[in-house]
């Protein structure tokens, strides 16, 4: 018969210990910003238009017509994409031109269709 001083058996852990450390916080925040920017269908469609533009860039004036949105609404989407680093912004005179920043899309490139991100809105 075991004595009262014997320690009770320790139950096994419910899961094995993590294999490695978590993603560094700064990297996680950067990925979260990228995923948030790409999580909107309109923003993906904007990227698809810029991606296939003959010059590889588009002016905000070119991006309002394909959508049933105002220029300020399109500009809001563009601002989010620029802040996430997905688009480059280049002001020429009174117009702003946008181009893809391919390096920023590198981590998620394998998740996106090869030729086009999404079909253009009709």
C-alpha atoms as a PDB file:
ATOM      1  CA  UNK A   1       0.000   0.000   0.000  1.00  0.00           C
ATOM      2  CA  UNK A   2       1.495   3.410  -0.979  1.00  0.00           C
ATOM      3  CA  UNK A   3       2.308   5.772   1.828  1.00  0.00           C
ATOM      4  CA  UNK A   4       0.626   9.149   2.210  1.00  0.00           C
ATOM      5  CA  UNK A   5       3.934  10.846   1.370  1.00  0.00           C
ATOM      6  CA  UNK A   6       3.998   9.427  -2.190  1.00  0.00           C
ATOM      7  CA  UNK A   7       3.313  12.106  -4.847  1.00  0.00           C
ATOM      8  CA  UNK A   8       0.328  11.514  -7.119  1.00  0.00           C
ATOM      9  CA  UNK A   9       1.037  10.496 -10.708  1.00  0.00           C
ATOM     10  CA  UNK A  10       1.457  13.436 -13.086  1.00  0.00           C
ATOM     11  CA  UNK A  11      -1.043  13.472 -15.960  1.00  0.00           C
ATOM     12  CA  UNK A  12       0.550  13.675 -19.419  1.00  0.00           C
ATOM     13  CA  UNK A  13       0.422  17.056 -21.164  1.00  0.00           C
ATOM     14  CA  UNK A  14      -2.508  17.554 -23.537  1.00  0.00           C
ATOM     15  CA  UNK A  15      -0.188  18.525 -26.380  1.00  0.00           C
ATOM     16  CA  UNK A  16       3.523  18.309 -27.078  1.00  0.00           C
ATOM     17  CA  UNK A  17       5.660  21.383 -26.511  1.00  0.00           C
ATOM     18  CA  UNK A  18       5.854  23.841 -29.444  1.00  0.00           C
ATOM     19  CA  UNK A  19       8.488  22.982 -32.038  1.00  0.00           C
ATOM     20  CA  UNK A  20       9.944  26.475 -32.172  1.00  0.00           C
ATOM     21  CA  UNK A  21       9.367  30.085 -31.210  1.00  0.00           C
ATOM     22  CA  UNK A  22       6.413  32.018 -32.642  1.00  0.00           C
ATOM     23  CA  UNK A  23       6.751  34.394 -35.568  1.00  0.00           C
ATOM     24  CA  UNK A  24       8.412  37.595 -34.308  1.00  0.00           C
ATOM     25  CA  UNK A  25       5.798  40.227 -33.403  1.00  0.00           C
ATOM     26  CA  UNK A  26       7.049  42.777 -35.933  1.00  0.00           C
ATOM     27  CA  UNK A  27       6.763  40.196 -38.739  1.00  0.00           C
ATOM     28  CA  UNK A  28       3.308  39.108 -37.562  1.00  0.00           C
ATOM     29  CA  UNK A  29       2.111  42.716 -37.609  1.00  0.00           C
ATOM     30  CA  UNK A  30       3.498  43.216 -41.127  1.00  0.00           C
ATOM     31  CA  UNK A  31       1.774  40.046 -42.408  1.00  0.00           C
ATOM     32  CA  UNK A  32      -1.471  41.055 -40.696  1.00  0.00           C
ATOM     33  CA  UNK A  33      -1.373  44.443 -42.462  1.00  0.00           C
ATOM     34  CA  UNK A  34      -0.742  42.700 -45.790  1.00  0.00           C
ATOM     35  CA  UNK A  35      -3.532  40.148 -45.286  1.00  0.00           C
ATOM     36  CA  UNK A  36      -5.951  42.874 -44.178  1.00  0.00           C
ATOM     37  CA  UNK A  37      -5.159  44.918 -47.294  1.00  0.00           C
ATOM     38  CA  UNK A  38      -5.684  41.881 -49.532  1.00  0.00           C
ATOM     39  CA  UNK A  39      -8.855  40.721 -47.781  1.00  0.00           C
ATOM     40  CA  UNK A  40     -11.137  43.115 -49.666  1.00  0.00           C
ATOM     41  CA  UNK A  41     -12.462  41.995 -53.088  1.00  0.00           C
ATOM     42  CA  UNK A  42     -12.380  45.540 -54.486  1.00  0.00           C
ATOM     43  CA  UNK A  43      -8.714  45.909 -53.553  1.00  0.00           C
ATOM     44  CA  UNK A  44      -7.882  42.603 -55.244  1.00  0.00           C
ATOM     45  CA  UNK A  45      -9.704  43.805 -58.348  1.00  0.00           C
ATOM     46  CA  UNK A  46      -7.777  47.097 -58.269  1.00  0.00           C
ATOM     47  CA  UNK A  47      -4.546  45.101 -58.112  1.00  0.00           C
ATOM     48  CA  UNK A  48      -5.667  42.996 -61.071  1.00  0.00           C
ATOM     49  CA  UNK A  49      -6.252  46.111 -63.181  1.00  0.00           C
ATOM     50  CA  UNK A  50      -2.860  47.566 -62.319  1.00  0.00           C
ATOM     51  CA  UNK A  51      -1.179  44.201 -62.901  1.00  0.00           C
ATOM     52  CA  UNK A  52      -2.360  43.967 -66.533  1.00  0.00           C
ATOM     53  CA  UNK A  53      -1.988  47.653 -67.397  1.00  0.00           C
ATOM     54  CA  UNK A  54       0.310  47.998 -70.445  1.00  0.00           C
ATOM     55  CA  UNK A  55       2.662  50.332 -68.564  1.00  0.00           C
ATOM     56  CA  UNK A  56       2.412  48.371 -65.311  1.00  0.00           C
ATOM     57  CA  UNK A  57       0.775  51.307 -63.588  1.00  0.00           C
ATOM     58  CA  UNK A  58      -2.574  53.045 -63.406  1.00  0.00           C
ATOM     59  CA  UNK A  59      -3.800  56.499 -62.525  1.00  0.00           C
ATOM     60  CA  UNK A  60      -6.583  56.878 -59.993  1.00  0.00           C
ATOM     61  CA  UNK A  61      -8.638  58.383 -62.830  1.00  0.00           C
ATOM     62  CA  UNK A  62      -8.323  55.048 -64.698  1.00  0.00           C
ATOM     63  CA  UNK A  63      -9.532  53.061 -61.693  1.00  0.00           C
ATOM     64  CA  UNK A  64     -12.871  54.761 -61.030  1.00  0.00           C
ATOM     65  CA  UNK A  65     -14.619  53.802 -64.283  1.00  0.00           C
ATOM     66  CA  UNK A  66     -14.529  49.987 -63.879  1.00  0.00           C
ATOM     67  CA  UNK A  67     -16.175  50.243 -60.451  1.00  0.00           C
ATOM     68  CA  UNK A  68     -19.496  51.629 -59.329  1.00  0.00           C
ATOM     69  CA  UNK A  69     -17.657  53.771 -56.770  1.00  0.00           C
ATOM     70  CA  UNK A  70     -16.668  57.367 -56.324  1.00  0.00           C
ATOM     71  CA  UNK A  71     -13.089  58.553 -56.734  1.00  0.00           C
ATOM     72  CA  UNK A  72     -12.752  59.129 -52.941  1.00  0.00           C
ATOM     73  CA  UNK A  73     -13.808  55.507 -52.297  1.00  0.00           C
ATOM     74  CA  UNK A  74     -11.223  54.194 -54.775  1.00  0.00           C
ATOM     75  CA  UNK A  75      -8.613  56.518 -53.236  1.00  0.00           C
ATOM     76  CA  UNK A  76      -9.383  55.040 -49.817  1.00  0.00           C
ATOM     77  CA  UNK A  77      -8.705  51.517 -51.115  1.00  0.00           C
ATOM     78  CA  UNK A  78      -5.503  52.703 -52.800  1.00  0.00           C
ATOM     79  CA  UNK A  79      -4.342  54.333 -49.567  1.00  0.00           C
ATOM     80  CA  UNK A  80      -4.743  51.044 -47.690  1.00  0.00           C
ATOM     81  CA  UNK A  81      -2.790  49.184 -50.381  1.00  0.00           C
ATOM     82  CA  UNK A  82      -0.006  51.792 -50.312  1.00  0.00           C
ATOM     83  CA  UNK A  83       0.191  51.722 -46.499  1.00  0.00           C
ATOM     84  CA  UNK A  84       0.492  47.922 -46.620  1.00  0.00           C
ATOM     85  CA  UNK A  85       3.334  48.300 -49.109  1.00  0.00           C
ATOM     86  CA  UNK A  86       1.459  46.468 -51.866  1.00  0.00           C
ATOM     87  CA  UNK A  87       1.418  49.470 -54.209  1.00  0.00           C
ATOM     88  CA  UNK A  88       3.945  52.161 -55.038  1.00  0.00           C
ATOM     89  CA  UNK A  89       2.580  55.707 -55.328  1.00  0.00           C
ATOM     90  CA  UNK A  90       4.022  58.291 -57.738  1.00  0.00           C
ATOM     91  CA  UNK A  91       2.531  61.782 -57.989  1.00  0.00           C
ATOM     92  CA  UNK A  92       2.820  63.433 -61.423  1.00  0.00           C
ATOM     93  CA  UNK A  93       1.303  66.868 -61.638  1.00  0.00           C
ATOM     94  CA  UNK A  94      -2.211  66.689 -60.262  1.00  0.00           C
ATOM     95  CA  UNK A  95      -2.581  62.904 -60.773  1.00  0.00           C
ATOM     96  CA  UNK A  96      -1.255  59.993 -58.759  1.00  0.00           C
ATOM     97  CA  UNK A  97      -0.049  56.824 -60.485  1.00  0.00           C
ATOM     98  CA  UNK A  98       0.067  53.426 -58.793  1.00  0.00           C
ATOM     99  CA  UNK A  99       2.197  50.373 -59.566  1.00  0.00           C
ATOM    100  CA  UNK A 100       2.589  46.989 -57.908  1.00  0.00           C
ATOM    101  CA  UNK A 101       5.361  46.447 -55.390  1.00  0.00           C
ATOM    102  CA  UNK A 102       6.186  42.834 -56.347  1.00  0.00           C
ATOM    103  CA  UNK A 103       8.520  42.294 -53.398  1.00  0.00           C
ATOM    104  CA  UNK A 104       5.716  42.926 -50.937  1.00  0.00           C
ATOM    105  CA  UNK A 105       3.490  40.336 -52.613  1.00  0.00           C
ATOM    106  CA  UNK A 106       6.247  37.698 -52.627  1.00  0.00           C
ATOM    107  CA  UNK A 107       5.121  36.002 -49.362  1.00  0.00           C
ATOM    108  CA  UNK A 108       1.604  35.405 -50.753  1.00  0.00           C
ATOM    109  CA  UNK A 109       2.410  35.045 -54.473  1.00  0.00           C
ATOM    110  CA  UNK A 110       1.758  31.299 -54.391  1.00  0.00           C
ATOM    111  CA  UNK A 111      -1.794  31.968 -53.112  1.00  0.00           C
ATOM    112  CA  UNK A 112      -2.758  34.198 -56.032  1.00  0.00           C
ATOM    113  CA  UNK A 113      -3.657  33.121 -59.577  1.00  0.00           C
ATOM    114  CA  UNK A 114      -0.681  33.189 -61.937  1.00  0.00           C
ATOM    115  CA  UNK A 115      -1.802  35.705 -64.567  1.00  0.00           C
ATOM    116  CA  UNK A 116      -4.513  37.765 -62.933  1.00  0.00           C
ATOM    117  CA  UNK A 117      -5.584  38.322 -59.370  1.00  0.00           C
ATOM    118  CA  UNK A 118      -9.291  38.585 -60.227  1.00  0.00           C
ATOM    119  CA  UNK A 119     -11.374  39.359 -63.301  1.00  0.00           C
ATOM    120  CA  UNK A 120     -12.190  43.011 -63.879  1.00  0.00           C
ATOM    121  CA  UNK A 121     -15.545  44.166 -62.531  1.00  0.00           C
ATOM    122  CA  UNK A 122     -18.240  44.408 -65.170  1.00  0.00           C
END
